[in-house]
Amino acid sequence: MLSLPAVLTHAQATACLAAQMTQLRAQAGAVVEVDASRLVQFDSSALAVLLAFRREALVLGKGFAVKALPVRLASLAALYGVAELLPG
């Protein structure tokens, strides 16, 4: 399972993607899961990272799920119209 850091803003997004994309590709199983429970400080870049993980999972023929998405980030996803792309 991938795990998001406590802080994921524009400044950390590229490093987060680079650090975890290799792990995502190596993950066994039919579903790529991302644990967002540690996430406390974020901006819309966190959504971009999650959507990039989702795209890669779909390219690999896998499902995608996010666990413990913070309420504020879920609200932001709804505002941007992408909430349905980040299933729990």
C-alpha atoms as a PDB file:
ATOM      1  CA  MET A   1       0.000   0.000   0.000  1.00  0.00           C
ATOM      2  CA  LEU A   2       1.229   3.468  -0.857  1.00  0.00           C
ATOM      3  CA  SER A   3       1.180   6.039   1.922  1.00  0.00           C
ATOM      4  CA  LEU A   4       0.906   9.797   1.535  1.00  0.00           C
ATOM      5  CA  PRO A   5       3.093  11.985   3.759  1.00  0.00           C
ATOM      6  CA  ALA A   6       1.742  14.353   6.407  1.00  0.00           C
ATOM      7  CA  VAL A   7       2.455  17.354   4.171  1.00  0.00           C
ATOM      8  CA  LEU A   8       1.669  17.238   0.458  1.00  0.00           C
ATOM      9  CA  THR A   9       1.642  20.609  -1.239  1.00  0.00           C
ATOM     10  CA  HIS A  10       2.973  21.838  -4.567  1.00  0.00           C
ATOM     11  CA  ALA A  11       6.496  21.862  -3.090  1.00  0.00           C
ATOM     12  CA  GLN A  12       6.399  18.120  -2.273  1.00  0.00           C
ATOM     13  CA  ALA A  13       4.235  16.776  -5.115  1.00  0.00           C
ATOM     14  CA  THR A  14       6.975  15.954  -7.630  1.00  0.00           C
ATOM     15  CA  ALA A  15       9.151  14.221  -5.039  1.00  0.00           C
ATOM     16  CA  CYS A  16       6.183  12.263  -3.702  1.00  0.00           C
ATOM     17  CA  LEU A  17       5.276  11.051  -7.182  1.00  0.00           C
ATOM     18  CA  ALA A  18       8.843  10.071  -8.006  1.00  0.00           C
ATOM     19  CA  ALA A  19       9.371   8.276  -4.709  1.00  0.00           C
ATOM     20  CA  GLN A  20       6.194   6.225  -4.871  1.00  0.00           C
ATOM     21  CA  MET A  21       5.611   5.564  -8.574  1.00  0.00           C
ATOM     22  CA  THR A  22       8.216   2.768  -8.598  1.00  0.00           C
ATOM     23  CA  GLN A  23       6.554   1.222  -5.566  1.00  0.00           C
ATOM     24  CA  LEU A  24       3.159   1.509  -7.245  1.00  0.00           C
ATOM     25  CA  ARG A  25       4.411  -0.325 -10.337  1.00  0.00           C
ATOM     26  CA  ALA A  26       5.899  -3.107  -8.209  1.00  0.00           C
ATOM     27  CA  GLN A  27       2.789  -3.609  -6.075  1.00  0.00           C
ATOM     28  CA  ALA A  28       1.197  -7.023  -6.309  1.00  0.00           C
ATOM     29  CA  GLY A  29      -2.545  -7.461  -6.355  1.00  0.00           C
ATOM     30  CA  ALA A  30      -5.456  -6.266  -8.421  1.00  0.00           C
ATOM     31  CA  VAL A  31      -5.955  -2.941  -6.615  1.00  0.00           C
ATOM     32  CA  VAL A  32      -3.535  -0.114  -5.878  1.00  0.00           C
ATOM     33  CA  GLU A  33      -4.392   1.274  -2.451  1.00  0.00           C
ATOM     34  CA  VAL A  34      -3.238   4.627  -1.116  1.00  0.00           C
ATOM     35  CA  ASP A  35      -3.356   5.410   2.595  1.00  0.00           C
ATOM     36  CA  ALA A  36      -4.061   9.112   3.150  1.00  0.00           C
ATOM     37  CA  SER A  37      -4.499   8.909   6.924  1.00  0.00           C
ATOM     38  CA  ARG A  38      -1.302  10.830   7.748  1.00  0.00           C
ATOM     39  CA  LEU A  39      -2.185  13.734   5.444  1.00  0.00           C
ATOM     40  CA  VAL A  40      -2.776  16.908   7.483  1.00  0.00           C
ATOM     41  CA  GLN A  41      -1.427  19.749   5.325  1.00  0.00           C
ATOM     42  CA  PHE A  42      -2.210  19.762   1.607  1.00  0.00           C
ATOM     43  CA  ASP A  43      -3.365  21.756  -1.368  1.00  0.00           C
ATOM     44  CA  SER A  44      -4.816  20.788  -4.728  1.00  0.00           C
ATOM     45  CA  SER A  45      -1.478  19.193  -5.611  1.00  0.00           C
ATOM     46  CA  ALA A  46      -2.463  16.284  -3.354  1.00  0.00           C
ATOM     47  CA  LEU A  47      -5.381  15.629  -5.699  1.00  0.00           C
ATOM     48  CA  ALA A  48      -3.023  15.768  -8.666  1.00  0.00           C
ATOM     49  CA  VAL A  49      -0.783  13.160  -7.032  1.00  0.00           C
ATOM     50  CA  LEU A  50      -3.719  10.873  -6.278  1.00  0.00           C
ATOM     51  CA  LEU A  51      -5.031  11.211  -9.829  1.00  0.00           C
ATOM     52  CA  ALA A  52      -1.571  10.416 -11.221  1.00  0.00           C
ATOM     53  CA  PHE A  53      -1.481   7.264  -9.076  1.00  0.00           C
ATOM     54  CA  ARG A  54      -4.963   6.367 -10.357  1.00  0.00           C
ATOM     55  CA  ARG A  55      -3.927   6.860 -13.999  1.00  0.00           C
ATOM     56  CA  GLU A  56      -0.887   4.632 -13.526  1.00  0.00           C
ATOM     57  CA  ALA A  57      -2.965   1.965 -11.787  1.00  0.00           C
ATOM     58  CA  LEU A  58      -5.397   1.943 -14.713  1.00  0.00           C
ATOM     59  CA  VAL A  59      -2.522   1.722 -17.214  1.00  0.00           C
ATOM     60  CA  LEU A  60      -1.353  -1.353 -15.295  1.00  0.00           C
ATOM     61  CA  GLY A  61      -4.863  -2.828 -15.472  1.00  0.00           C
ATOM     62  CA  LYS A  62      -5.463  -2.465 -11.749  1.00  0.00           C
ATOM     63  CA  GLY A  63      -8.186  -0.908  -9.652  1.00  0.00           C
ATOM     64  CA  PHE A  64      -7.591   2.070  -7.410  1.00  0.00           C
ATOM     65  CA  ALA A  65      -8.731   3.002  -3.901  1.00  0.00           C
ATOM     66  CA  VAL A  66      -7.900   5.678  -1.339  1.00  0.00           C
ATOM     67  CA  LYS A  67      -8.169   4.907   2.363  1.00  0.00           C
ATOM     68  CA  ALA A  68      -8.793   7.570   5.013  1.00  0.00           C
ATOM     69  CA  LEU A  69      -9.108  10.524   2.647  1.00  0.00           C
ATOM     70  CA  PRO A  70      -9.322  13.642   4.851  1.00  0.00           C
ATOM     71  CA  VAL A  71     -12.731  15.313   4.790  1.00  0.00           C
ATOM     72  CA  ARG A  72     -11.280  18.616   3.547  1.00  0.00           C
ATOM     73  CA  LEU A  73      -9.527  16.864   0.658  1.00  0.00           C
ATOM     74  CA  ALA A  74     -12.693  14.938  -0.188  1.00  0.00           C
ATOM     75  CA  SER A  75     -14.541  18.279  -0.259  1.00  0.00           C
ATOM     76  CA  LEU A  76     -11.908  19.722  -2.569  1.00  0.00           C
ATOM     77  CA  ALA A  77     -12.224  16.694  -4.850  1.00  0.00           C
ATOM     78  CA  ALA A  78     -15.996  17.213  -4.959  1.00  0.00           C
ATOM     79  CA  LEU A  79     -15.523  20.903  -5.749  1.00  0.00           C
ATOM     80  CA  TYR A  80     -13.255  20.016  -8.679  1.00  0.00           C
ATOM     81  CA  GLY A  81     -15.618  17.263  -9.849  1.00  0.00           C
ATOM     82  CA  VAL A  82     -13.179  14.393  -9.356  1.00  0.00           C
ATOM     83  CA  ALA A  83     -14.524  12.808  -6.156  1.00  0.00           C
ATOM     84  CA  GLU A  84     -15.849   9.758  -8.012  1.00  0.00           C
ATOM     85  CA  LEU A  85     -12.329   9.068  -9.305  1.00  0.00           C
ATOM     86  CA  LEU A  86     -11.040   8.596  -5.740  1.00  0.00           C
ATOM     87  CA  PRO A  87     -13.085   5.716  -4.308  1.00  0.00           C
ATOM     88  CA  GLY A  88     -12.629   4.675  -0.713  1.00  0.00           C
END
